[in-house]
Protein backbone atom coordinates (compact mmCIF):
# COMPACT_ATOMS: atom_id res chain seq x y z
CA MET A 1 7.47 -25.63 -5.57
CA PRO A 2 8.33 -28.66 -3.36
CA GLU A 3 7.50 -32.03 -4.86
CA GLY A 4 4.03 -33.21 -3.91
CA LEU A 5 2.77 -29.75 -2.94
CA GLN A 6 -0.52 -28.90 -4.59
CA VAL A 7 -2.08 -25.47 -4.60
CA ASN A 8 -5.77 -25.21 -5.41
CA ILE A 9 -6.68 -21.79 -6.79
CA LYS A 10 -10.38 -20.95 -6.71
CA PHE A 11 -12.44 -18.05 -8.01
CA ALA A 12 -14.58 -16.14 -5.50
CA GLU A 13 -17.91 -15.60 -7.20
CA SER A 14 -20.55 -16.03 -4.49
CA ASP A 15 -21.02 -13.54 -1.67
CA SER A 16 -19.83 -16.16 0.84
CA ASP A 17 -16.66 -16.91 -1.16
CA ILE A 18 -15.90 -13.19 -1.43
CA ALA A 19 -16.51 -12.70 2.30
CA ARG A 20 -14.07 -15.54 3.09
CA CYS A 21 -11.35 -13.50 1.34
CA PHE A 22 -11.99 -10.47 3.55
CA ALA A 23 -9.44 -11.23 6.31
CA VAL A 24 -6.59 -11.27 3.79
CA MET A 25 -7.77 -8.24 1.78
CA ALA A 26 -8.38 -6.27 4.98
CA GLN A 27 -4.61 -6.25 5.42
CA LEU A 28 -4.43 -4.14 2.25
CA TYR A 29 -7.60 -2.13 2.87
CA PRO A 30 -8.16 -1.88 6.65
CA TYR A 31 -10.71 0.92 6.24
CA LEU A 32 -13.25 -1.39 4.55
CA GLY A 33 -15.82 -3.36 6.50
CA ARG A 34 -16.82 -6.87 5.42
CA GLN A 35 -20.15 -5.85 3.88
CA GLU A 36 -18.65 -2.91 1.97
CA PHE A 37 -15.83 -5.17 0.75
CA VAL A 38 -18.29 -7.72 -0.64
CA GLY A 39 -20.35 -4.97 -2.29
CA ARG A 40 -17.33 -3.36 -3.92
CA ILE A 41 -16.03 -6.68 -5.23
CA LYS A 42 -19.46 -7.54 -6.68
CA HIS A 43 -19.58 -4.12 -8.37
CA GLN A 44 -16.08 -4.53 -9.80
CA GLN A 45 -16.93 -8.03 -11.02
CA GLY A 46 -19.53 -6.40 -13.24
CA GLN A 47 -16.60 -4.56 -14.85
CA GLY A 48 -14.48 -7.67 -15.47
CA TYR A 49 -12.66 -7.93 -12.11
CA ARG A 50 -11.87 -11.49 -10.94
CA LEU A 51 -11.03 -12.44 -7.36
CA SER A 52 -9.08 -15.66 -6.88
CA TYR A 53 -7.90 -17.24 -3.65
CA VAL A 54 -5.94 -20.09 -2.13
CA GLU A 55 -7.49 -21.82 0.84
CA GLU A 56 -5.81 -24.17 3.30
CA ALA A 57 -7.21 -25.94 6.36
CA ASP A 58 -7.11 -22.72 8.43
CA GLY A 59 -8.89 -20.65 5.79
CA VAL A 60 -7.95 -18.33 2.95
CA VAL A 61 -4.21 -17.70 2.89
CA ALA A 62 -3.76 -15.69 -0.33
CA VAL A 63 -5.86 -13.62 -2.72
CA SER A 64 -5.43 -11.91 -6.05
CA GLY A 65 -7.69 -9.48 -7.83
CA PHE A 66 -7.16 -9.02 -11.53
CA ARG A 67 -8.75 -8.25 -14.86
CA VAL A 68 -7.94 -8.98 -18.48
CA LEU A 69 -7.76 -5.74 -20.44
CA GLU A 70 -7.03 -4.74 -23.99
CA ASN A 71 -5.79 -1.48 -25.43
CA LEU A 72 -3.97 -0.16 -28.46
CA ALA A 73 -0.62 0.24 -26.74
CA HIS A 74 -0.32 -3.26 -25.26
CA GLY A 75 -2.97 -5.41 -26.91
CA ARG A 76 -4.49 -7.95 -24.51
CA PHE A 77 -2.89 -8.11 -21.04
CA LEU A 78 -3.49 -9.12 -17.45
CA TYR A 79 -3.71 -6.26 -14.94
CA VAL A 80 -3.22 -7.23 -11.29
CA ASP A 81 -5.14 -4.93 -8.95
CA ASP A 82 -4.50 -6.78 -5.69
CA LEU A 83 -2.08 -9.49 -4.60
CA LYS A 84 -1.74 -10.47 -0.94
CA ARG A 85 -0.89 -13.44 1.21
CA PHE A 86 -2.11 -13.60 4.80
CA SER A 87 0.39 -12.16 7.27
CA PHE A 88 0.14 -13.35 10.86
CA GLU A 89 2.30 -10.42 11.96
CA TRP A 90 -0.59 -8.14 10.99
CA ILE A 91 -2.98 -9.48 13.64
């Protein structure tokens, strides 16, 4: 990372924060509308899903969806469901 560059990672917990992540996530899931996206994220959050994002002056530029899981085979681990940065070529 270049010296002096700071990245502020935030967690999307409110409906408005989740909705702000839609433009980036729509590049992965173009069949979802904004309202359905927010509803699905809220539902998944009830199951331990976390949505994080990086926002710059122009808006959200990257998102990640993940959960911390635990099982007998691996113990405790981080599972990444979604990882996407905004692509201007997509629009």
